[in-house]
Amino acid sequence: MKFVIIICSLLLLSFLLFRNSFPKFFEGLSILLFRLGFSILLLYGVHLLVGSMGYAIPVNLFTGTVAAVLGIPGIISVVAISILI
């Protein structure tokens, strides 16, 4: 129980100290989550298209994160690695 009280106290203290930077943090987090969701959706579409040719493109959190961070080159690299392996 003490652990929960300490964690809640630290969270409240950090919120009070850094309240000006929290909106920027949540904005960056929402942009990252949107990019991750859109990249997984795009990977699923590529999976359906390339899957009709007999290749399997993995759609998971790792490939979604690669595609979210790298963008279109990330999707191309995931497809190329999947085809070459």
Protein backbone atom coordinates (compact mmCIF):
# COMPACT_ATOMS: atom_id res chain seq x y z
CA MET A 1 0.00 0.00 0.00
CA LYS A 2 2.91 2.33 0.73
CA PHE A 3 4.25 1.67 -2.74
CA VAL A 4 1.01 2.85 -4.35
CA ILE A 5 0.95 6.01 -2.22
CA ILE A 6 4.57 6.78 -3.10
CA ILE A 7 3.95 6.26 -6.83
CA CYS A 8 0.82 8.45 -6.77
CA SER A 9 2.67 11.14 -4.84
CA LEU A 10 5.54 11.10 -7.33
CA LEU A 11 3.14 11.29 -10.26
CA LEU A 12 1.33 14.25 -8.70
CA LEU A 13 4.63 16.00 -7.96
CA SER A 14 5.89 15.44 -11.50
CA PHE A 15 2.61 16.74 -12.90
CA LEU A 16 2.91 19.90 -10.81
CA LEU A 17 6.55 20.46 -11.75
CA PHE A 18 6.24 19.71 -15.47
CA ARG A 19 2.67 20.78 -16.23
CA ASN A 20 3.78 22.97 -19.15
CA SER A 21 5.47 20.10 -20.98
CA PHE A 22 2.63 17.56 -20.62
CA PRO A 23 0.56 18.86 -23.58
CA LYS A 24 3.59 18.52 -25.87
CA PHE A 25 4.22 15.01 -24.57
CA PHE A 26 0.63 13.93 -25.18
CA GLU A 27 0.64 15.56 -28.63
CA GLY A 28 3.77 13.63 -29.57
CA LEU A 29 2.30 10.43 -28.15
CA SER A 30 -0.92 10.87 -30.12
CA ILE A 31 1.03 11.49 -33.34
CA LEU A 32 3.11 8.36 -32.73
CA LEU A 33 0.03 6.23 -32.02
CA PHE A 34 -1.72 7.57 -35.13
CA ARG A 35 1.32 6.77 -37.28
CA LEU A 36 1.52 3.30 -35.73
CA GLY A 37 -2.15 2.58 -36.40
CA PHE A 38 -2.00 3.89 -39.95
CA SER A 39 1.18 1.95 -40.72
CA ILE A 40 -0.39 -1.29 -39.44
CA LEU A 41 -3.44 -0.59 -41.62
CA LEU A 42 -1.19 0.05 -44.62
CA LEU A 43 0.84 -3.09 -43.88
CA TYR A 44 -2.38 -5.10 -43.77
CA GLY A 45 -3.33 -3.76 -47.21
CA VAL A 46 0.11 -4.67 -48.55
CA HIS A 47 -0.27 -8.08 -46.88
CA LEU A 48 -3.50 -8.66 -48.80
CA LEU A 49 -2.00 -7.54 -52.12
CA VAL A 50 1.29 -9.43 -51.82
CA GLY A 51 -0.44 -12.41 -50.23
CA SER A 52 -2.32 -13.03 -53.45
CA MET A 53 1.07 -13.63 -55.10
CA GLY A 54 2.02 -16.25 -52.53
CA TYR A 55 4.15 -14.18 -50.14
CA ALA A 56 3.32 -13.58 -46.49
CA ILE A 57 4.00 -10.13 -45.05
CA PRO A 58 3.97 -10.20 -41.23
CA VAL A 59 1.66 -7.67 -39.61
CA ASN A 60 2.71 -7.28 -35.99
CA LEU A 61 3.87 -4.61 -33.57
CA PHE A 62 7.51 -4.75 -34.69
CA THR A 63 6.80 -4.34 -38.41
CA GLY A 64 4.22 -1.67 -37.60
CA THR A 65 6.77 0.25 -35.54
CA VAL A 66 9.37 -0.02 -38.31
CA ALA A 67 6.84 1.28 -40.82
CA ALA A 68 5.71 4.07 -38.45
CA VAL A 69 9.24 5.29 -37.82
CA LEU A 70 10.63 4.91 -41.35
CA GLY A 71 7.47 5.56 -43.37
CA ILE A 72 7.18 4.28 -46.95
CA PRO A 73 10.84 3.10 -47.05
CA GLY A 74 10.08 1.06 -43.93
CA ILE A 75 7.15 -0.66 -45.62
CA ILE A 76 9.27 -1.33 -48.71
CA SER A 77 12.05 -2.79 -46.55
CA VAL A 78 9.60 -5.04 -44.65
CA VAL A 79 8.21 -6.31 -47.97
CA ALA A 80 11.70 -6.82 -49.42
CA ILE A 81 12.93 -8.70 -46.36
CA SER A 82 9.81 -10.88 -46.35
CA ILE A 83 10.19 -11.74 -50.03
CA LEU A 84 13.93 -12.41 -49.81
CA ILE A 85 13.61 -14.66 -46.77
